[in-house]
């Protein structure tokens, strides 16, 4: 099941993926510097994410504890496929060509991509 996340929802999900469970108070404190969100904003976002099936909670002794119900790897894969489809018509080659032509690939990026392609070639054999 594909779950579309807004940019704000990605921020909250990353916070949960990095450390779970977390309470509303813990999430608010962890996100305050980056976002400036109030406790009410975090509550609203959590309710939306629960409705989407991305987050779940368990009752704690003093407060609800929130967990990601969506695996980071699944969310990243879905978002990447959506981006490729939307922007490049699903063509990874077209995206890479655009990155190369704009000179946005560092030597480190190129080395990382070469390692990924070597691994993919080894798995295909």
PDB file of N, CA and C in Angstrom:
ATOM      1  N   UNK A   1       0.844  -1.181   0.000  1.00  0.00           N
ATOM      2  CA  UNK A   1       0.000   0.000   0.000  1.00  0.00           C
ATOM      3  C   UNK A   1       0.885   1.239   0.000  1.00  0.00           C
ATOM      4  N   UNK A   2       0.687   2.118  -0.954  1.00  0.00           N
ATOM      5  CA  UNK A   2       1.455   3.353  -1.086  1.00  0.00           C
ATOM      6  C   UNK A   2       0.853   4.425  -0.200  1.00  0.00           C
ATOM      7  N   UNK A   3       1.716   5.085   0.588  1.00  0.00           N
ATOM      8  CA  UNK A   3       1.285   6.172   1.459  1.00  0.00           C
ATOM      9  C   UNK A   3       2.022   7.430   1.029  1.00  0.00           C
ATOM     10  N   UNK A   4       1.274   8.440   0.587  1.00  0.00           N
ATOM     11  CA  UNK A   4       1.879   9.711   0.197  1.00  0.00           C
ATOM     12  C   UNK A   4       2.126  10.548   1.441  1.00  0.00           C
ATOM     13  N   UNK A   5       3.363  11.018   1.595  1.00  0.00           N
ATOM     14  CA  UNK A   5       3.724  11.853   2.732  1.00  0.00           C
ATOM     15  C   UNK A   5       4.063  13.257   2.251  1.00  0.00           C
ATOM     16  N   UNK A   6       3.556  14.248   2.977  1.00  0.00           N
ATOM     17  CA  UNK A   6       3.921  15.636   2.690  1.00  0.00           C
ATOM     18  C   UNK A   6       5.331  15.890   3.218  1.00  0.00           C
ATOM     19  N   UNK A   7       5.930  17.013   2.857  1.00  0.00           N
ATOM     20  CA  UNK A   7       7.264  17.351   3.363  1.00  0.00           C
ATOM     21  C   UNK A   7       7.277  17.402   4.889  1.00  0.00           C
ATOM     22  N   UNK A   8       6.244  17.963   5.483  1.00  0.00           N
ATOM     23  CA  UNK A   8       6.156  18.038   6.941  1.00  0.00           C
ATOM     24  C   UNK A   8       6.026  16.649   7.560  1.00  0.00           C
ATOM     25  N   UNK A   9       5.250  15.794   6.937  1.00  0.00           N
ATOM     26  CA  UNK A   9       5.086  14.434   7.440  1.00  0.00           C
ATOM     27  C   UNK A   9       6.402  13.658   7.357  1.00  0.00           C
ATOM     28  N   UNK A  10       7.199  13.920   6.334  1.00  0.00           N
ATOM     29  CA  UNK A  10       8.518  13.279   6.224  1.00  0.00           C
ATOM     30  C   UNK A  10       9.377  13.654   7.427  1.00  0.00           C
ATOM     31  N   UNK A  11       9.331  14.911   7.843  1.00  0.00           N
ATOM     32  CA  UNK A  11      10.118  15.352   9.003  1.00  0.00           C
ATOM     33  C   UNK A  11       9.724  14.579  10.252  1.00  0.00           C
ATOM     34  N   UNK A  12       8.438  14.443  10.489  1.00  0.00           N
ATOM     35  CA  UNK A  12       7.970  13.725  11.671  1.00  0.00           C
ATOM     36  C   UNK A  12       8.312  12.237  11.571  1.00  0.00           C
ATOM     37  N   UNK A  13       8.133  11.667  10.399  1.00  0.00           N
ATOM     38  CA  UNK A  13       8.447  10.247  10.218  1.00  0.00           C
ATOM     39  C   UNK A  13       9.935   9.987  10.430  1.00  0.00           C
ATOM     40  N   UNK A  14      10.810  10.859   9.896  1.00  0.00           N
ATOM     41  CA  UNK A  14      12.255  10.673  10.116  1.00  0.00           C
ATOM     42  C   UNK A  14      12.578  10.672  11.602  1.00  0.00           C
ATOM     43  N   UNK A  15      11.899  11.532  12.345  1.00  0.00           N
ATOM     44  CA  UNK A  15      12.103  11.600  13.794  1.00  0.00           C
ATOM     45  C   UNK A  15      11.716  10.270  14.447  1.00  0.00           C
ATOM     46  N   UNK A  16      10.623   9.675  14.016  1.00  0.00           N
ATOM     47  CA  UNK A  16      10.195   8.377  14.559  1.00  0.00           C
ATOM     48  C   UNK A  16      11.079   7.243  14.069  1.00  0.00           C
ATOM     49  N   UNK A  17      11.511   7.298  12.820  1.00  0.00           N
ATOM     50  CA  UNK A  17      12.394   6.241  12.313  1.00  0.00           C
ATOM     51  C   UNK A  17      13.729   6.266  13.047  1.00  0.00           C
ATOM     52  N   UNK A  18      14.182   7.452  13.390  1.00  0.00           N
ATOM     53  CA  UNK A  18      15.466   7.574  14.095  1.00  0.00           C
ATOM     54  C   UNK A  18      15.387   7.050  15.521  1.00  0.00           C
ATOM     55  N   UNK A  19      14.223   7.234  16.155  1.00  0.00           N
ATOM     56  CA  UNK A  19      14.051   6.753  17.527  1.00  0.00           C
ATOM     57  C   UNK A  19      12.573   6.565  17.824  1.00  0.00           C
ATOM     58  N   UNK A  20      12.200   5.363  18.159  1.00  0.00           N
ATOM     59  CA  UNK A  20      10.811   5.064  18.518  1.00  0.00           C
ATOM     60  C   UNK A  20      10.838   4.077  19.667  1.00  0.00           C
ATOM     61  N   UNK A  21       9.854   4.083  20.508  1.00  0.00           N
ATOM     62  CA  UNK A  21       8.703   4.976  20.491  1.00  0.00           C
ATOM     63  C   UNK A  21       9.045   6.355  21.043  1.00  0.00           C
ATOM     64  N   UNK A  22       8.160   7.292  20.729  1.00  0.00           N
ATOM     65  CA  UNK A  22       8.265   8.648  21.264  1.00  0.00           C
ATOM     66  C   UNK A  22       6.874   9.139  21.634  1.00  0.00           C
ATOM     67  N   UNK A  23       6.842   9.961  22.664  1.00  0.00           N
ATOM     68  CA  UNK A  23       5.584  10.590  23.077  1.00  0.00           C
ATOM     69  C   UNK A  23       5.412  11.895  22.305  1.00  0.00           C
ATOM     70  N   UNK A  24       4.238  12.484  22.402  1.00  0.00           N
ATOM     71  CA  UNK A  24       3.981  13.772  21.768  1.00  0.00           C
ATOM     72  C   UNK A  24       4.960  14.814  22.296  1.00  0.00           C
ATOM     73  N   UNK A  25       5.184  14.818  23.588  1.00  0.00           N
ATOM     74  CA  UNK A  25       6.115  15.783  24.192  1.00  0.00           C
ATOM     75  C   UNK A  25       7.527  15.581  23.649  1.00  0.00           C
ATOM     76  N   UNK A  26       7.963  14.345  23.533  1.00  0.00           N
ATOM     77  CA  UNK A  26       9.302  14.060  22.998  1.00  0.00           C
ATOM     78  C   UNK A  26       9.412  14.472  21.533  1.00  0.00           C
ATOM     79  N   UNK A  27       8.374  14.184  20.752  1.00  0.00           N
ATOM     80  CA  UNK A  27       8.384  14.575  19.342  1.00  0.00           C
ATOM     81  C   UNK A  27       8.401  16.090  19.191  1.00  0.00           C
ATOM     82  N   UNK A  28       7.600  16.777  19.985  1.00  0.00           N
ATOM     83  CA  UNK A  28       7.561  18.235  19.918  1.00  0.00           C
ATOM     84  C   UNK A  28       8.931  18.817  20.231  1.00  0.00           C
ATOM     85  N   UNK A  29       9.567  18.317  21.276  1.00  0.00           N
ATOM     86  CA  UNK A  29      10.895  18.805  21.655  1.00  0.00           C
ATOM     87  C   UNK A  29      11.926  18.507  20.558  1.00  0.00           C
ATOM     88  N   UNK A  30      11.860  17.308  19.982  1.00  0.00           N
ATOM     89  CA  UNK A  30      12.832  16.911  18.958  1.00  0.00           C
ATOM     90  C   UNK A  30      12.677  17.726  17.674  1.00  0.00           C
ATOM     91  N   UNK A  31      11.455  18.149  17.365  1.00  0.00           N
ATOM     92  CA  UNK A  31      11.182  18.862  16.113  1.00  0.00           C
ATOM     93  C   UNK A  31      11.149  20.381  16.268  1.00  0.00           C
ATOM     94  N   UNK A  32      11.131  20.873  17.488  1.00  0.00           N
ATOM     95  CA  UNK A  32      10.938  22.308  17.736  1.00  0.00           C
ATOM     96  C   UNK A  32      11.966  23.181  17.028  1.00  0.00           C
ATOM     97  N   UNK A  33      13.244  22.859  17.157  1.00  0.00           N
ATOM     98  CA  UNK A  33      14.283  23.712  16.574  1.00  0.00           C
ATOM     99  C   UNK A  33      14.183  23.773  15.051  1.00  0.00           C
ATOM    100  N   UNK A  34      13.966  22.605  14.425  1.00  0.00           N
ATOM    101  CA  UNK A  34      13.899  22.546  12.963  1.00  0.00           C
ATOM    102  C   UNK A  34      12.614  23.158  12.405  1.00  0.00           C
ATOM    103  N   UNK A  35      11.503  22.948  13.116  1.00  0.00           N
ATOM    104  CA  UNK A  35      10.196  23.315  12.552  1.00  0.00           C
ATOM    105  C   UNK A  35       9.469  24.443  13.275  1.00  0.00           C
ATOM    106  N   UNK A  36       9.720  24.581  14.572  1.00  0.00           N
ATOM    107  CA  UNK A  36       8.972  25.558  15.364  1.00  0.00           C
ATOM    108  C   UNK A  36       7.556  25.100  15.676  1.00  0.00           C
ATOM    109  N   UNK A  37       7.262  23.827  15.458  1.00  0.00           N
ATOM    110  CA  UNK A  37       5.908  23.323  15.671  1.00  0.00           C
ATOM    111  C   UNK A  37       5.534  23.314  17.150  1.00  0.00           C
ATOM    112  N   UNK A  38       4.274  23.619  17.398  1.00  0.00           N
ATOM    113  CA  UNK A  38       3.723  23.524  18.749  1.00  0.00           C
ATOM    114  C   UNK A  38       3.254  22.090  18.998  1.00  0.00           C
ATOM    115  N   UNK A  39       2.912  21.816  20.228  1.00  0.00           N
ATOM    116  CA  UNK A  39       2.388  20.496  20.596  1.00  0.00           C
ATOM    117  C   UNK A  39       1.120  20.192  19.797  1.00  0.00           C
ATOM    118  N   UNK A  40       0.263  21.205  19.616  1.00  0.00           N
ATOM    119  CA  UNK A  40      -0.984  20.994  18.861  1.00  0.00           C
ATOM    120  C   UNK A  40      -0.704  20.624  17.403  1.00  0.00           C
ATOM    121  N   UNK A  41       0.310  21.219  16.828  1.00  0.00           N
ATOM    122  CA  UNK A  41       0.670  20.886  15.443  1.00  0.00           C
ATOM    123  C   UNK A  41       1.131  19.436  15.351  1.00  0.00           C
ATOM    124  N   UNK A  42       1.953  19.001  16.301  1.00  0.00           N
ATOM    125  CA  UNK A  42       2.433  17.625  16.305  1.00  0.00           C
ATOM    126  C   UNK A  42       1.263  16.664  16.478  1.00  0.00           C
ATOM    127  N   UNK A  43       0.320  16.993  17.350  1.00  0.00           N
ATOM    128  CA  UNK A  43      -0.867  16.152  17.555  1.00  0.00           C
ATOM    129  C   UNK A  43      -1.653  16.029  16.257  1.00  0.00           C
ATOM    130  N   UNK A  44      -1.848  17.136  15.558  1.00  0.00           N
ATOM    131  CA  UNK A  44      -2.584  17.130  14.289  1.00  0.00           C
ATOM    132  C   UNK A  44      -1.860  16.270  13.251  1.00  0.00           C
ATOM    133  N   UNK A  45      -0.540  16.437  13.167  1.00  0.00           N
ATOM    134  CA  UNK A  45       0.239  15.654  12.203  1.00  0.00           C
ATOM    135  C   UNK A  45       0.174  14.159  12.527  1.00  0.00           C
ATOM    136  N   UNK A  46       0.281  13.817  13.806  1.00  0.00           N
ATOM    137  CA  UNK A  46       0.201  12.411  14.198  1.00  0.00           C
ATOM    138  C   UNK A  46      -1.168  11.820  13.848  1.00  0.00           C
ATOM    139  N   UNK A  47      -2.211  12.582  14.053  1.00  0.00           N
ATOM    140  CA  UNK A  47      -3.565  12.104  13.711  1.00  0.00           C
ATOM    141  C   UNK A  47      -3.667  11.838  12.210  1.00  0.00           C
ATOM    142  N   UNK A  48      -3.112  12.738  11.403  1.00  0.00           N
ATOM    143  CA  UNK A  48      -3.133  12.545   9.950  1.00  0.00           C
ATOM    144  C   UNK A  48      -2.332  11.310   9.541  1.00  0.00           C
ATOM    145  N   UNK A  49      -1.159  11.161  10.160  1.00  0.00           N
ATOM    146  CA  UNK A  49      -0.315  10.013   9.833  1.00  0.00           C
ATOM    147  C   UNK A  49      -0.940   8.700  10.288  1.00  0.00           C
ATOM    148  N   UNK A  50      -1.639   8.718  11.407  1.00  0.00           N
ATOM    149  CA  UNK A  50      -2.348   7.503  11.843  1.00  0.00           C
ATOM    150  C   UNK A  50      -3.459   7.166  10.865  1.00  0.00           C
ATOM    151  N   UNK A  51      -4.191   8.175  10.406  1.00  0.00           N
ATOM    152  CA  UNK A  51      -5.279   7.950   9.451  1.00  0.00           C
ATOM    153  C   UNK A  51      -4.751   7.368   8.137  1.00  0.00           C
ATOM    154  N   UNK A  52      -3.541   7.735   7.770  1.00  0.00           N
ATOM    155  CA  UNK A  52      -2.916   7.212   6.550  1.00  0.00           C
ATOM    156  C   UNK A  52      -2.319   5.822   6.757  1.00  0.00           C
ATOM    157  N   UNK A  53      -2.168   5.403   8.002  1.00  0.00           N
ATOM    158  CA  UNK A  53      -1.570   4.106   8.289  1.00  0.00           C
ATOM    159  C   UNK A  53      -0.056   4.147   8.393  1.00  0.00           C
ATOM    160  N   UNK A  54       0.523   5.349   8.524  1.00  0.00           N
ATOM    161  CA  UNK A  54       1.979   5.486   8.592  1.00  0.00           C
ATOM    162  C   UNK A  54       2.497   5.427  10.023  1.00  0.00           C
ATOM    163  N   UNK A  55       1.623   5.696  10.991  1.00  0.00           N
ATOM    164  CA  UNK A  55       2.000   5.757  12.407  1.00  0.00           C
ATOM    165  C   UNK A  55       0.973   4.992  13.214  1.00  0.00           C
ATOM    166  N   UNK A  56       1.431   4.408  14.316  1.00  0.00           N
ATOM    167  CA  UNK A  56       0.511   3.770  15.259  1.00  0.00           C
ATOM    168  C   UNK A  56       0.919   4.199  16.655  1.00  0.00           C
ATOM    169  N   UNK A  57       0.026   3.990  17.608  1.00  0.00           N
ATOM    170  CA  UNK A  57       0.382   4.325  18.988  1.00  0.00           C
ATOM    171  C   UNK A  57      -0.063   3.227  19.945  1.00  0.00           C
ATOM    172  N   UNK A  58       0.581   3.216  21.086  1.00  0.00           N
ATOM    173  CA  UNK A  58       0.208   2.331  22.185  1.00  0.00           C
ATOM    174  C   UNK A  58       0.042   3.212  23.418  1.00  0.00           C
ATOM    175  N   UNK A  59      -0.887   2.831  24.268  1.00  0.00           N
ATOM    176  CA  UNK A  59      -1.075   3.581  25.504  1.00  0.00           C
ATOM    177  C   UNK A  59       0.087   3.292  26.437  1.00  0.00           C
ATOM    178  N   UNK A  60       0.675   4.352  26.966  1.00  0.00           N
ATOM    179  CA  UNK A  60       1.741   4.210  27.943  1.00  0.00           C
ATOM    180  C   UNK A  60       1.194   4.498  29.324  1.00  0.00           C
ATOM    181  N   UNK A  61       2.052   4.437  30.313  1.00  0.00           N
ATOM    182  CA  UNK A  61       1.610   4.725  31.676  1.00  0.00           C
ATOM    183  C   UNK A  61       1.102   6.155  31.801  1.00  0.00           C
ATOM    184  N   UNK A  62       1.837   7.096  31.205  1.00  0.00           N
ATOM    185  CA  UNK A  62       1.474   8.495  31.340  1.00  0.00           C
ATOM    186  C   UNK A  62       1.058   9.125  30.015  1.00  0.00           C
ATOM    187  N   UNK A  63       1.549   8.593  28.917  1.00  0.00           N
ATOM    188  CA  UNK A  63       1.267   9.200  27.614  1.00  0.00           C
ATOM    189  C   UNK A  63       1.310   8.132  26.526  1.00  0.00           C
ATOM    190  N   UNK A  64       0.645   8.430  25.415  1.00  0.00           N
ATOM    191  CA  UNK A  64       0.701   7.528  24.264  1.00  0.00           C
ATOM    192  C   UNK A  64       2.122   7.496  23.730  1.00  0.00           C
ATOM    193  N   UNK A  65       2.531   6.326  23.267  1.00  0.00           N
ATOM    194  CA  UNK A  65       3.839   6.161  22.641  1.00  0.00           C
ATOM    195  C   UNK A  65       3.615   5.881  21.155  1.00  0.00           C
ATOM    196  N   UNK A  66       4.277   6.654  20.322  1.00  0.00           N
ATOM    197  CA  UNK A  66       4.080   6.555  18.878  1.00  0.00           C
ATOM    198  C   UNK A  66       5.230   5.812  18.212  1.00  0.00           C
ATOM    199  N   UNK A  67       4.847   4.990  17.231  1.00  0.00           N
ATOM    200  CA  UNK A  67       5.773   4.158  16.468  1.00  0.00           C
ATOM    201  C   UNK A  67       5.501   4.354  14.973  1.00  0.00           C
ATOM    202  N   UNK A  68       6.519   4.200  14.144  1.00  0.00           N
ATOM    203  CA  UNK A  68       6.245   4.184  12.698  1.00  0.00           C
ATOM    204  C   UNK A  68       5.578   2.859  12.333  1.00  0.00           C
ATOM    205  N   UNK A  69       4.534   2.920  11.549  1.00  0.00           N
ATOM    206  CA  UNK A  69       3.881   1.710  11.046  1.00  0.00           C
ATOM    207  C   UNK A  69       4.322   1.441   9.610  1.00  0.00           C
ATOM    208  N   UNK A  70       5.075   2.369   9.079  1.00  0.00           N
ATOM    209  CA  UNK A  70       5.581   2.313   7.712  1.00  0.00           C
ATOM    210  C   UNK A  70       7.101   2.206   7.791  1.00  0.00           C
ATOM    211  N   UNK A  71       7.657   1.236   7.094  1.00  0.00           N
ATOM    212  CA  UNK A  71       9.116   1.094   7.092  1.00  0.00           C
ATOM    213  C   UNK A  71       9.747   2.203   6.257  1.00  0.00           C
ATOM    214  N   UNK A  72      10.857   2.732   6.752  1.00  0.00           N
ATOM    215  CA  UNK A  72      11.561   3.806   6.038  1.00  0.00           C
ATOM    216  C   UNK A  72      11.888   3.371   4.611  1.00  0.00           C
ATOM    217  N   UNK A  73      12.381   2.146   4.445  1.00  0.00           N
ATOM    218  CA  UNK A  73      12.784   1.654   3.129  1.00  0.00           C
ATOM    219  C   UNK A  73      11.607   1.658   2.147  1.00  0.00           C
ATOM    220  N   UNK A  74      10.431   1.282   2.633  1.00  0.00           N
ATOM    221  CA  UNK A  74       9.246   1.265   1.771  1.00  0.00           C
ATOM    222  C   UNK A  74       8.841   2.680   1.369  1.00  0.00           C
ATOM    223  N   UNK A  75       8.884   3.607   2.324  1.00  0.00           N
ATOM    224  CA  UNK A  75       8.525   4.998   2.038  1.00  0.00           C
ATOM    225  C   UNK A  75       9.500   5.621   1.040  1.00  0.00           C
ATOM    226  N   UNK A  76      10.792   5.359   1.229  1.00  0.00           N
ATOM    227  CA  UNK A  76      11.806   5.911   0.325  1.00  0.00           C
ATOM    228  C   UNK A  76      11.626   5.339  -1.079  1.00  0.00           C
ATOM    229  N   UNK A  77      11.413   4.031  -1.173  1.00  0.00           N
ATOM    230  CA  UNK A  77      11.212   3.409  -2.492  1.00  0.00           C
ATOM    231  C   UNK A  77       9.991   4.003  -3.198  1.00  0.00           C
ATOM    232  N   UNK A  78       8.874   4.099  -2.476  1.00  0.00           N
ATOM    233  CA  UNK A  78       7.647   4.637  -3.075  1.00  0.00           C
ATOM    234  C   UNK A  78       7.826   6.088  -3.514  1.00  0.00           C
ATOM    235  N   UNK A  79       8.480   6.882  -2.680  1.00  0.00           N
ATOM    236  CA  UNK A  79       8.698   8.299  -3.007  1.00  0.00           C
ATOM    237  C   UNK A  79       9.615   8.430  -4.223  1.00  0.00           C
ATOM    238  N   UNK A  80      10.633   7.598  -4.295  1.00  0.00           N
ATOM    239  CA  UNK A  80      11.562   7.633  -5.423  1.00  0.00           C
ATOM    240  C   UNK A  80      10.855   7.242  -6.715  1.00  0.00           C
ATOM    241  N   UNK A  81      10.062   6.186  -6.654  1.00  0.00           N
ATOM    242  CA  UNK A  81       9.319   5.761  -7.853  1.00  0.00           C
ATOM    243  C   UNK A  81       8.329   6.832  -8.289  1.00  0.00           C
ATOM    244  N   UNK A  82       7.662   7.469  -7.333  1.00  0.00           N
ATOM    245  CA  UNK A  82       6.713   8.533  -7.648  1.00  0.00           C
ATOM    246  C   UNK A  82       7.424   9.719  -8.304  1.00  0.00           C
ATOM    247  N   UNK A  83       8.563  10.099  -7.739  1.00  0.00           N
ATOM    248  CA  UNK A  83       9.352  11.210  -8.296  1.00  0.00           C
ATOM    249  C   UNK A  83       9.799  10.901  -9.722  1.00  0.00           C
ATOM    250  N   UNK A  84      10.368   9.722  -9.920  1.00  0.00           N
ATOM    251  CA  UNK A  84      10.830   9.349 -11.257  1.00  0.00           C
ATOM    252  C   UNK A  84       9.687   9.368 -12.267  1.00  0.00           C
ATOM    253  N   UNK A  85       8.555   8.834 -11.859  1.00  0.00           N
ATOM    254  CA  UNK A  85       7.398   8.779 -12.744  1.00  0.00           C
ATOM    255  C   UNK A  85       6.883  10.185 -13.071  1.00  0.00           C
ATOM    256  N   UNK A  86       6.784  11.007 -12.043  1.00  0.00           N
ATOM    257  CA  UNK A  86       6.237  12.356 -12.196  1.00  0.00           C
ATOM    258  C   UNK A  86       7.155  13.262 -13.013  1.00  0.00           C
ATOM    259  N   UNK A  87       8.437  13.253 -12.714  1.00  0.00           N
ATOM    260  CA  UNK A  87       9.361  14.213 -13.302  1.00  0.00           C
ATOM    261  C   UNK A  87      10.036  13.686 -14.559  1.00  0.00           C
ATOM    262  N   UNK A  88      10.378  12.409 -14.582  1.00  0.00           N
ATOM    263  CA  UNK A  88      11.166  11.865 -15.689  1.00  0.00           C
ATOM    264  C   UNK A  88      10.446  10.763 -16.450  1.00  0.00           C
ATOM    265  N   UNK A  89       9.136  10.645 -16.273  1.00  0.00           N
ATOM    266  CA  UNK A  89       8.390   9.622 -16.992  1.00  0.00           C
ATOM    267  C   UNK A  89       8.832   8.212 -16.647  1.00  0.00           C
ATOM    268  N   UNK A  90       9.417   8.061 -15.451  1.00  0.00           N
ATOM    269  CA  UNK A  90       9.851   6.746 -14.993  1.00  0.00           C
ATOM    270  C   UNK A  90      11.252   6.361 -15.442  1.00  0.00           C
ATOM    271  N   UNK A  91      11.935   7.255 -16.149  1.00  0.00           N
ATOM    272  CA  UNK A  91      13.245   6.930 -16.704  1.00  0.00           C
ATOM    273  C   UNK A  91      14.375   7.346 -15.771  1.00  0.00           C
ATOM    274  N   UNK A  92      15.031   6.362 -15.182  1.00  0.00           N
ATOM    275  CA  UNK A  92      16.198   6.619 -14.351  1.00  0.00           C
ATOM    276  C   UNK A  92      17.338   7.181 -15.202  1.00  0.00           C
ATOM    277  N   UNK A  93      17.480   6.669 -16.424  1.00  0.00           N
ATOM    278  CA  UNK A  93      18.517   7.151 -17.338  1.00  0.00           C
ATOM    279  C   UNK A  93      18.356   8.626 -17.652  1.00  0.00           C
ATOM    280  N   UNK A  94      17.127   9.068 -17.881  1.00  0.00           N
ATOM    281  CA  UNK A  94      16.861  10.475 -18.170  1.00  0.00           C
ATOM    282  C   UNK A  94      17.229  11.352 -16.972  1.00  0.00           C
ATOM    283  N   UNK A  95      16.934  10.871 -15.761  1.00  0.00           N
ATOM    284  CA  UNK A  95      17.278  11.626 -14.564  1.00  0.00           C
ATOM    285  C   UNK A  95      18.800  11.735 -14.426  1.00  0.00           C
ATOM    286  N   UNK A  96      19.500  10.623 -14.608  1.00  0.00           N
ATOM    287  CA  UNK A  96      20.954  10.636 -14.481  1.00  0.00           C
ATOM    288  C   UNK A  96      21.584  11.528 -15.552  1.00  0.00           C
ATOM    289  N   UNK A  97      21.045  11.489 -16.738  1.00  0.00           N
ATOM    290  CA  UNK A  97      21.542  12.341 -17.811  1.00  0.00           C
ATOM    291  C   UNK A  97      21.376  13.817 -17.444  1.00  0.00           C
ATOM    292  N   UNK A  98      20.233  14.166 -16.881  1.00  0.00           N
ATOM    293  CA  UNK A  98      19.995  15.542 -16.454  1.00  0.00           C
ATOM    294  C   UNK A  98      20.975  15.953 -15.359  1.00  0.00           C
ATOM    295  N   UNK A  99      21.266  15.045 -14.424  1.00  0.00           N
ATOM    296  CA  UNK A  99      22.216  15.337 -13.347  1.00  0.00           C
ATOM    297  C   UNK A  99      23.625  15.532 -13.904  1.00  0.00           C
ATOM    298  N   UNK A 100      24.025  14.696 -14.857  1.00  0.00           N
ATOM    299  CA  UNK A 100      25.353  14.800 -15.448  1.00  0.00           C
ATOM    300  C   UNK A 100      25.468  16.106 -16.242  1.00  0.00           C
ATOM    301  N   UNK A 101      24.459  16.409 -17.036  1.00  0.00           N
ATOM    302  CA  UNK A 101      24.492  17.619 -17.859  1.00  0.00           C
ATOM    303  C   UNK A 101      24.508  18.885 -17.012  1.00  0.00           C
ATOM    304  N   UNK A 102      23.893  18.854 -15.863  1.00  0.00           N
ATOM    305  CA  UNK A 102      23.871  20.041 -14.995  1.00  0.00           C
ATOM    306  C   UNK A 102      25.111  20.100 -14.110  1.00  0.00           C
ATOM    307  N   UNK A 103      25.967  19.062 -14.209  1.00  0.00           N
ATOM    308  CA  UNK A 103      27.203  18.980 -13.419  1.00  0.00           C
ATOM    309  C   UNK A 103      26.928  18.966 -11.917  1.00  0.00           C
ATOM    310  N   UNK A 104      25.859  18.307 -11.524  1.00  0.00           N
ATOM    311  CA  UNK A 104      25.489  18.236 -10.111  1.00  0.00           C
ATOM    312  C   UNK A 104      26.026  16.981  -9.424  1.00  0.00           C
ATOM    313  N   UNK A 105      26.786  16.188 -10.136  1.00  0.00           N
ATOM    314  CA  UNK A 105      27.344  14.971  -9.552  1.00  0.00           C
ATOM    315  C   UNK A 105      28.793  15.221  -9.141  1.00  0.00           C
ATOM    316  N   UNK A 106      29.082  15.016  -7.876  1.00  0.00           N
ATOM    317  CA  UNK A 106      30.454  15.143  -7.391  1.00  0.00           C
ATOM    318  C   UNK A 106      31.204  13.851  -7.704  1.00  0.00           C
ATOM    319  N   UNK A 107      32.506  13.886  -7.521  1.00  0.00           N
ATOM    320  CA  UNK A 107      33.314  12.670  -7.709  1.00  0.00           C
ATOM    321  C   UNK A 107      32.834  11.586  -6.742  1.00  0.00           C
ATOM    322  N   UNK A 108      32.484  12.000  -5.537  1.00  0.00           N
ATOM    323  CA  UNK A 108      31.975  11.042  -4.540  1.00  0.00           C
ATOM    324  C   UNK A 108      30.665  10.412  -5.021  1.00  0.00           C
ATOM    325  N   UNK A 109      29.766  11.235  -5.592  1.00  0.00           N
ATOM    326  CA  UNK A 109      28.506  10.720  -6.133  1.00  0.00           C
ATOM    327  C   UNK A 109      28.769   9.686  -7.224  1.00  0.00           C
ATOM    328  N   UNK A 110      29.710  10.013  -8.113  1.00  0.00           N
ATOM    329  CA  UNK A 110      30.023   9.126  -9.233  1.00  0.00           C
ATOM    330  C   UNK A 110      30.594   7.804  -8.724  1.00  0.00           C
ATOM    331  N   UNK A 111      31.478   7.865  -7.736  1.00  0.00           N
ATOM    332  CA  UNK A 111      32.039   6.639  -7.153  1.00  0.00           C
ATOM    333  C   UNK A 111      30.954   5.796  -6.499  1.00  0.00           C
ATOM    334  N   UNK A 112      30.046   6.464  -5.794  1.00  0.00           N
ATOM    335  CA  UNK A 112      28.953   5.742  -5.135  1.00  0.00           C
ATOM    336  C   UNK A 112      28.052   5.069  -6.167  1.00  0.00           C
ATOM    337  N   UNK A 113      27.732   5.781  -7.231  1.00  0.00           N
ATOM    338  CA  UNK A 113      26.897   5.206  -8.289  1.00  0.00           C
ATOM    339  C   UNK A 113      27.595   4.036  -8.975  1.00  0.00           C
ATOM    340  N   UNK A 114      28.889   4.165  -9.200  1.00  0.00           N
ATOM    341  CA  UNK A 114      29.644   3.071  -9.826  1.00  0.00           C
ATOM    342  C   UNK A 114      29.596   1.824  -8.944  1.00  0.00           C
ATOM    343  N   UNK A 115      29.734   2.010  -7.628  1.00  0.00           N
ATOM    344  CA  UNK A 115      29.673   0.870  -6.709  1.00  0.00           C
ATOM    345  C   UNK A 115      28.293   0.222  -6.728  1.00  0.00           C
ATOM    346  N   UNK A 116      27.260   1.045  -6.787  1.00  0.00           N
ATOM    347  CA  UNK A 116      25.881   0.523  -6.844  1.00  0.00           C
ATOM    348  C   UNK A 116      25.674  -0.276  -8.129  1.00  0.00           C
ATOM    349  N   UNK A 117      26.154   0.264  -9.256  1.00  0.00           N
ATOM    350  CA  UNK A 117      25.997  -0.430 -10.539  1.00  0.00           C
ATOM    351  C   UNK A 117      26.811  -1.719 -10.572  1.00  0.00           C
ATOM    352  N   UNK A 118      28.011  -1.695  -9.984  1.00  0.00           N
ATOM    353  CA  UNK A 118      28.812  -2.924  -9.902  1.00  0.00           C
ATOM    354  C   UNK A 118      28.065  -3.984  -9.111  1.00  0.00           C
ATOM    355  N   UNK A 119      27.481  -3.573  -7.998  1.00  0.00           N
ATOM    356  CA  UNK A 119      26.720  -4.514  -7.164  1.00  0.00           C
ATOM    357  C   UNK A 119      25.516  -5.060  -7.937  1.00  0.00           C
ATOM    358  N   UNK A 120      24.807  -4.174  -8.623  1.00  0.00           N
ATOM    359  CA  UNK A 120      23.630  -4.598  -9.393  1.00  0.00           C
ATOM    360  C   UNK A 120      24.040  -5.554 -10.517  1.00  0.00           C
ATOM    361  N   UNK A 121      25.166  -5.275 -11.150  1.00  0.00           N
ATOM    362  CA  UNK A 121      25.659  -6.163 -12.215  1.00  0.00           C
ATOM    363  C   UNK A 121      26.044  -7.510 -11.691  1.00  0.00           C
ATOM    364  N   UNK A 122      26.630  -7.560 -10.506  1.00  0.00           N
ATOM    365  CA  UNK A 122      27.014  -8.826  -9.863  1.00  0.00           C
ATOM    366  C   UNK A 122      25.805  -9.646  -9.463  1.00  0.00           C
ATOM    367  N   UNK A 123      24.750  -8.970  -9.048  1.00  0.00           N
ATOM    368  CA  UNK A 123      23.524  -9.685  -8.647  1.00  0.00           C
ATOM    369  C   UNK A 123      22.772 -10.199  -9.847  1.00  0.00           C
ATOM    370  N   UNK A 124      22.920  -9.514 -10.989  1.00  0.00           N
ATOM    371  CA  UNK A 124      22.186  -9.919 -12.200  1.00  0.00           C
ATOM    372  C   UNK A 124      22.847 -11.114 -12.879  1.00  0.00           C
ATOM    373  N   UNK A 125      24.114 -11.345 -12.567  1.00  0.00           N
ATOM    374  CA  UNK A 125      24.834 -12.439 -13.238  1.00  0.00           C
ATOM    375  C   UNK A 125      24.480 -13.776 -12.716  1.00  0.00           C
TER     376      UNK A 125
END
